[in-house]
Amino acid sequence: MLTDLALRLSTALAPAPDGAPNTEGHAAIMILFYGGLFAIFYFLLIRPQTKRSKETQVMQADLSKGDSVITSSGIYGSVHKIKDDVVTLQIADNVRVKFQLSAINSRVRESETKKSDE
């Protein structure tokens, strides 16, 4: 695949045969077009997702007992115990459920827990 791309690029950059219409500059424009397209995809899709993933990993690593969290399935609870990659959440009085650490989606702010209690 890479050799095919190199072959196409080298033939595109080669001078046109005698009598052929002048097409110089088209290859450079195509390279700039694809480079710009990649840059757009990188800054709009890849970079934000990577940043969000890193923030989630940092949040999961900083969890401690008593933190209010939301799981990826939408369950609200408070951290009761953390052991390796298993988190025990207390979701109601005397109801504790074990979750994998990666299932913890976000931390809940104090103001959100007060609103949900009302």
N, C-alpha and C. Protein backbone atom coordinates (compact mmCIF):
# COMPACT_ATOMS: atom_id res chain seq x y z
N MET A 1 0.83 -1.18 0.00
CA MET A 1 0.00 0.00 0.00
C MET A 1 0.88 1.25 0.00
N LEU A 2 1.90 1.23 0.84
CA LEU A 2 2.79 2.38 0.92
C LEU A 2 3.59 2.53 -0.37
N THR A 3 4.00 1.41 -0.93
CA THR A 3 4.75 1.48 -2.19
C THR A 3 3.85 1.98 -3.32
N ASP A 4 2.59 1.58 -3.30
CA ASP A 4 1.64 2.06 -4.31
C ASP A 4 1.48 3.57 -4.21
N LEU A 5 1.37 4.07 -2.98
CA LEU A 5 1.24 5.51 -2.77
C LEU A 5 2.49 6.24 -3.24
N ALA A 6 3.67 5.69 -2.93
CA ALA A 6 4.92 6.31 -3.37
C ALA A 6 5.02 6.31 -4.89
N LEU A 7 4.59 5.23 -5.53
CA LEU A 7 4.64 5.14 -6.99
C LEU A 7 3.69 6.17 -7.62
N ARG A 8 2.50 6.29 -7.07
CA ARG A 8 1.54 7.27 -7.59
C ARG A 8 2.05 8.70 -7.40
N LEU A 9 2.65 8.95 -6.25
CA LEU A 9 3.18 10.28 -5.98
C LEU A 9 4.32 10.62 -6.93
N SER A 10 5.20 9.65 -7.15
CA SER A 10 6.34 9.92 -8.04
C SER A 10 5.89 10.13 -9.49
N THR A 11 4.87 9.39 -9.93
CA THR A 11 4.37 9.61 -11.29
C THR A 11 3.59 10.91 -11.39
N ALA A 12 2.96 11.31 -10.32
CA ALA A 12 2.23 12.57 -10.35
C ALA A 12 3.18 13.76 -10.38
N LEU A 13 4.33 13.62 -9.75
CA LEU A 13 5.29 14.71 -9.72
C LEU A 13 6.21 14.72 -10.94
N ALA A 14 6.17 13.64 -11.74
CA ALA A 14 7.02 13.57 -12.93
C ALA A 14 6.54 14.57 -13.97
N PRO A 15 7.46 15.09 -14.81
CA PRO A 15 7.05 16.03 -15.85
C PRO A 15 6.16 15.36 -16.89
N ALA A 16 5.27 16.13 -17.48
CA ALA A 16 4.36 15.60 -18.50
C ALA A 16 5.14 15.29 -19.78
N PRO A 17 4.71 14.26 -20.54
CA PRO A 17 5.38 13.97 -21.81
C PRO A 17 5.17 15.10 -22.81
N ASP A 18 6.00 15.12 -23.85
CA ASP A 18 5.89 16.17 -24.87
C ASP A 18 4.51 16.15 -25.52
N GLY A 19 3.93 17.31 -25.68
CA GLY A 19 2.63 17.44 -26.34
C GLY A 19 1.46 17.30 -25.39
N ALA A 20 1.68 16.89 -24.16
CA ALA A 20 0.58 16.74 -23.20
C ALA A 20 0.26 18.11 -22.61
N PRO A 21 -0.97 18.30 -22.19
CA PRO A 21 -1.32 19.59 -21.59
C PRO A 21 -0.54 19.80 -20.28
N ASN A 22 -0.28 21.04 -19.96
CA ASN A 22 0.49 21.38 -18.76
C ASN A 22 -0.38 21.16 -17.53
N THR A 23 0.05 20.24 -16.69
CA THR A 23 -0.68 19.94 -15.45
C THR A 23 0.19 20.15 -14.22
N GLU A 24 1.24 20.94 -14.34
CA GLU A 24 2.14 21.15 -13.21
C GLU A 24 1.39 21.85 -12.08
N GLY A 25 1.70 21.44 -10.88
CA GLY A 25 1.09 22.06 -9.71
C GLY A 25 -0.11 21.31 -9.18
N HIS A 26 -0.71 20.42 -9.99
CA HIS A 26 -1.90 19.70 -9.51
C HIS A 26 -1.55 18.74 -8.39
N ALA A 27 -0.40 18.09 -8.48
CA ALA A 27 0.00 17.15 -7.43
C ALA A 27 0.23 17.89 -6.12
N ALA A 28 0.88 19.03 -6.18
CA ALA A 28 1.12 19.81 -4.96
C ALA A 28 -0.18 20.27 -4.34
N ILE A 29 -1.12 20.65 -5.17
CA ILE A 29 -2.43 21.08 -4.67
C ILE A 29 -3.15 19.92 -4.00
N MET A 30 -3.06 18.73 -4.58
CA MET A 30 -3.71 17.56 -3.99
C MET A 30 -3.06 17.20 -2.65
N ILE A 31 -1.74 17.31 -2.59
CA ILE A 31 -1.05 17.02 -1.32
C ILE A 31 -1.48 18.02 -0.26
N LEU A 32 -1.57 19.29 -0.61
CA LEU A 32 -2.04 20.30 0.33
C LEU A 32 -3.49 20.06 0.75
N PHE A 33 -4.30 19.65 -0.21
CA PHE A 33 -5.72 19.37 0.08
C PHE A 33 -5.84 18.24 1.10
N TYR A 34 -5.13 17.13 0.85
CA TYR A 34 -5.22 15.99 1.78
C TYR A 34 -4.58 16.32 3.13
N GLY A 35 -3.52 17.10 3.12
CA GLY A 35 -2.92 17.54 4.38
C GLY A 35 -3.88 18.40 5.18
N GLY A 36 -4.56 19.32 4.50
CA GLY A 36 -5.55 20.16 5.17
C GLY A 36 -6.73 19.36 5.68
N LEU A 37 -7.15 18.37 4.89
CA LEU A 37 -8.26 17.50 5.31
C LEU A 37 -7.88 16.73 6.57
N PHE A 38 -6.65 16.21 6.59
CA PHE A 38 -6.19 15.49 7.78
C PHE A 38 -6.13 16.43 8.98
N ALA A 39 -5.67 17.65 8.78
CA ALA A 39 -5.58 18.62 9.88
C ALA A 39 -6.97 18.92 10.45
N ILE A 40 -7.94 19.07 9.57
CA ILE A 40 -9.32 19.33 10.02
C ILE A 40 -9.83 18.16 10.85
N PHE A 41 -9.66 16.93 10.36
CA PHE A 41 -10.09 15.76 11.10
C PHE A 41 -9.37 15.67 12.45
N TYR A 42 -8.08 15.97 12.45
CA TYR A 42 -7.32 15.88 13.68
C TYR A 42 -7.85 16.86 14.73
N PHE A 43 -8.02 18.12 14.34
CA PHE A 43 -8.43 19.13 15.32
C PHE A 43 -9.91 19.06 15.68
N LEU A 44 -10.75 18.50 14.83
CA LEU A 44 -12.17 18.43 15.15
C LEU A 44 -12.60 17.09 15.76
N LEU A 45 -11.87 16.01 15.45
CA LEU A 45 -12.31 14.70 15.93
C LEU A 45 -11.29 14.01 16.84
N ILE A 46 -10.08 13.87 16.39
CA ILE A 46 -9.11 13.06 17.10
C ILE A 46 -8.62 13.73 18.38
N ARG A 47 -8.21 14.97 18.30
CA ARG A 47 -7.64 15.68 19.46
C ARG A 47 -8.64 15.84 20.61
N PRO A 48 -9.88 16.28 20.35
CA PRO A 48 -10.83 16.40 21.47
C PRO A 48 -11.13 15.06 22.15
N GLN A 49 -11.22 13.99 21.36
CA GLN A 49 -11.50 12.68 21.95
C GLN A 49 -10.33 12.22 22.82
N THR A 50 -9.12 12.44 22.37
CA THR A 50 -7.94 12.07 23.15
C THR A 50 -7.88 12.87 24.45
N LYS A 51 -8.18 14.15 24.36
CA LYS A 51 -8.17 15.01 25.54
C LYS A 51 -9.23 14.56 26.55
N ARG A 52 -10.43 14.25 26.07
CA ARG A 52 -11.51 13.79 26.94
C ARG A 52 -11.15 12.47 27.61
N SER A 53 -10.52 11.59 26.86
CA SER A 53 -10.11 10.29 27.40
C SER A 53 -9.07 10.46 28.50
N LYS A 54 -8.10 11.33 28.30
CA LYS A 54 -7.08 11.57 29.32
C LYS A 54 -7.71 12.17 30.58
N GLU A 55 -8.64 13.11 30.42
CA GLU A 55 -9.31 13.71 31.58
C GLU A 55 -10.09 12.66 32.37
N THR A 56 -10.74 11.74 31.68
CA THR A 56 -11.50 10.68 32.35
C THR A 56 -10.57 9.75 33.11
N GLN A 57 -9.43 9.41 32.51
CA GLN A 57 -8.47 8.54 33.19
C GLN A 57 -7.91 9.20 34.44
N VAL A 58 -7.62 10.49 34.37
CA VAL A 58 -7.12 11.22 35.54
C VAL A 58 -8.19 11.26 36.63
N MET A 59 -9.44 11.51 36.25
CA MET A 59 -10.54 11.54 37.22
C MET A 59 -10.69 10.18 37.89
N GLN A 60 -10.63 9.09 37.10
CA GLN A 60 -10.77 7.75 37.66
C GLN A 60 -9.62 7.41 38.61
N ALA A 61 -8.42 7.87 38.29
CA ALA A 61 -7.27 7.61 39.15
C ALA A 61 -7.36 8.40 40.45
N ASP A 62 -8.03 9.55 40.46
CA ASP A 62 -8.12 10.41 41.64
C ASP A 62 -9.35 10.14 42.50
N LEU A 63 -10.14 9.11 42.17
CA LEU A 63 -11.33 8.83 42.97
C LEU A 63 -10.94 8.43 44.40
N SER A 64 -11.77 8.85 45.33
CA SER A 64 -11.54 8.46 46.71
C SER A 64 -12.89 8.16 47.37
N LYS A 65 -12.83 7.57 48.54
CA LYS A 65 -14.04 7.18 49.26
C LYS A 65 -14.89 8.41 49.54
N GLY A 66 -16.19 8.30 49.28
CA GLY A 66 -17.11 9.39 49.53
C GLY A 66 -17.43 10.25 48.33
N ASP A 67 -16.68 10.11 47.24
CA ASP A 67 -16.96 10.90 46.02
C ASP A 67 -18.28 10.47 45.40
N SER A 68 -19.07 11.43 44.96
CA SER A 68 -20.30 11.13 44.24
C SER A 68 -19.97 11.04 42.76
N VAL A 69 -20.43 9.95 42.12
CA VAL A 69 -20.08 9.70 40.72
C VAL A 69 -21.30 9.25 39.93
N ILE A 70 -21.13 9.26 38.61
CA ILE A 70 -22.13 8.72 37.69
C ILE A 70 -21.43 7.64 36.88
N THR A 71 -22.06 6.49 36.74
CA THR A 71 -21.49 5.42 35.93
C THR A 71 -21.87 5.63 34.47
N SER A 72 -21.25 4.84 33.60
CA SER A 72 -21.56 4.95 32.17
C SER A 72 -22.98 4.50 31.87
N SER A 73 -23.59 3.74 32.77
CA SER A 73 -24.98 3.32 32.58
C SER A 73 -25.97 4.31 33.19
N GLY A 74 -25.47 5.39 33.81
CA GLY A 74 -26.34 6.44 34.33
C GLY A 74 -26.72 6.28 35.79
N ILE A 75 -26.06 5.41 36.51
CA ILE A 75 -26.37 5.19 37.92
C ILE A 75 -25.57 6.17 38.77
N TYR A 76 -26.28 6.89 39.64
CA TYR A 76 -25.63 7.80 40.58
C TYR A 76 -25.29 7.01 41.84
N GLY A 77 -24.15 7.31 42.43
CA GLY A 77 -23.77 6.66 43.67
C GLY A 77 -22.58 7.34 44.28
N SER A 78 -22.23 6.89 45.49
CA SER A 78 -21.03 7.41 46.13
C SER A 78 -20.05 6.26 46.33
N VAL A 79 -18.78 6.58 46.18
CA VAL A 79 -17.75 5.56 46.27
C VAL A 79 -17.65 5.08 47.71
N HIS A 80 -17.80 3.76 47.88
CA HIS A 80 -17.68 3.16 49.20
C HIS A 80 -16.30 2.55 49.39
N LYS A 81 -15.80 1.88 48.34
CA LYS A 81 -14.50 1.23 48.43
C LYS A 81 -13.90 1.11 47.03
N ILE A 82 -12.58 1.24 46.96
CA ILE A 82 -11.86 1.06 45.70
C ILE A 82 -10.78 0.02 45.94
N LYS A 83 -10.77 -1.01 45.11
CA LYS A 83 -9.73 -2.03 45.21
C LYS A 83 -9.32 -2.40 43.80
N ASP A 84 -8.06 -2.12 43.45
CA ASP A 84 -7.51 -2.35 42.11
C ASP A 84 -8.37 -1.63 41.08
N ASP A 85 -9.05 -2.38 40.20
CA ASP A 85 -9.89 -1.73 39.20
C ASP A 85 -11.37 -2.00 39.45
N VAL A 86 -11.72 -2.33 40.72
CA VAL A 86 -13.11 -2.56 41.10
C VAL A 86 -13.53 -1.48 42.10
N VAL A 87 -14.65 -0.83 41.81
CA VAL A 87 -15.17 0.24 42.67
C VAL A 87 -16.51 -0.22 43.23
N THR A 88 -16.67 -0.13 44.53
CA THR A 88 -17.95 -0.45 45.15
C THR A 88 -18.67 0.86 45.40
N LEU A 89 -19.85 0.98 44.79
CA LEU A 89 -20.65 2.19 44.94
C LEU A 89 -21.84 1.92 45.85
N GLN A 90 -22.15 2.90 46.67
CA GLN A 90 -23.35 2.83 47.48
C GLN A 90 -24.40 3.65 46.75
N ILE A 91 -25.45 2.97 46.23
CA ILE A 91 -26.45 3.67 45.43
C ILE A 91 -27.71 3.99 46.22
N ALA A 92 -27.87 3.35 47.39
CA ALA A 92 -29.00 3.63 48.29
C ALA A 92 -28.57 3.14 49.67
N ASP A 93 -29.43 3.35 50.67
CA ASP A 93 -29.10 2.87 52.01
C ASP A 93 -28.95 1.35 51.97
N ASN A 94 -27.80 0.87 52.45
CA ASN A 94 -27.48 -0.56 52.51
C ASN A 94 -27.52 -1.27 51.15
N VAL A 95 -27.33 -0.53 50.06
CA VAL A 95 -27.27 -1.13 48.72
C VAL A 95 -25.93 -0.74 48.11
N ARG A 96 -25.08 -1.75 47.96
CA ARG A 96 -23.76 -1.51 47.38
C ARG A 96 -23.60 -2.39 46.15
N VAL A 97 -23.05 -1.78 45.10
CA VAL A 97 -22.89 -2.48 43.83
C VAL A 97 -21.44 -2.31 43.38
N LYS A 98 -20.87 -3.41 42.84
CA LYS A 98 -19.50 -3.34 42.35
C LYS A 98 -19.50 -2.99 40.86
N PHE A 99 -18.58 -2.10 40.50
CA PHE A 99 -18.40 -1.68 39.11
C PHE A 99 -16.93 -1.74 38.76
N GLN A 100 -16.66 -1.91 37.50
CA GLN A 100 -15.29 -1.79 37.03
C GLN A 100 -14.94 -0.30 37.03
N LEU A 101 -13.70 0.03 37.34
CA LEU A 101 -13.29 1.43 37.43
C LEU A 101 -13.55 2.19 36.13
N SER A 102 -13.38 1.53 35.00
CA SER A 102 -13.60 2.20 33.72
C SER A 102 -15.07 2.53 33.46
N ALA A 103 -15.99 1.98 34.27
CA ALA A 103 -17.40 2.28 34.12
C ALA A 103 -17.79 3.60 34.77
N ILE A 104 -16.89 4.16 35.57
CA ILE A 104 -17.16 5.45 36.21
C ILE A 104 -16.94 6.54 35.16
N ASN A 105 -18.02 7.25 34.86
CA ASN A 105 -18.00 8.22 33.76
C ASN A 105 -17.58 9.61 34.21
N SER A 106 -18.12 10.07 35.33
CA SER A 106 -17.79 11.42 35.78
C SER A 106 -18.09 11.57 37.26
N ARG A 107 -17.48 12.60 37.82
CA ARG A 107 -17.73 12.97 39.20
C ARG A 107 -18.90 13.94 39.23
N VAL A 108 -19.74 13.84 40.25
CA VAL A 108 -20.89 14.73 40.39
C VAL A 108 -20.51 15.86 41.32
N ARG A 109 -20.84 17.07 40.90
CA ARG A 109 -20.57 18.24 41.75
C ARG A 109 -21.57 18.30 42.89
N GLU A 110 -21.21 18.99 43.92
CA GLU A 110 -22.07 19.12 45.10
C GLU A 110 -23.44 19.69 44.74
N SER A 111 -23.47 20.70 43.85
CA SER A 111 -24.73 21.34 43.50
C SER A 111 -25.66 20.37 42.77
N GLU A 112 -25.10 19.44 41.97
CA GLU A 112 -25.94 18.48 41.26
C GLU A 112 -26.54 17.46 42.22
N THR A 113 -25.80 17.05 43.24
CA THR A 113 -26.35 16.08 44.19
C THR A 113 -27.45 16.70 45.03
N LYS A 114 -27.33 17.98 45.36
CA LYS A 114 -28.38 18.65 46.12
C LYS A 114 -29.67 18.74 45.31
N LYS A 115 -29.53 19.03 43.99
CA LYS A 115 -30.72 19.13 43.12
C LYS A 115 -31.40 17.77 42.98
N SER A 116 -30.62 16.69 42.87
CA SER A 116 -31.21 15.37 42.69
C SER A 116 -31.86 14.87 43.97
N ASP A 117 -31.40 15.35 45.13
CA ASP A 117 -32.00 14.94 46.40
C ASP A 117 -33.36 15.60 46.65
N GLU A 118 -33.60 16.74 45.99
CA GLU A 118 -34.84 17.49 46.23
C GLU A 118 -36.02 16.87 45.57
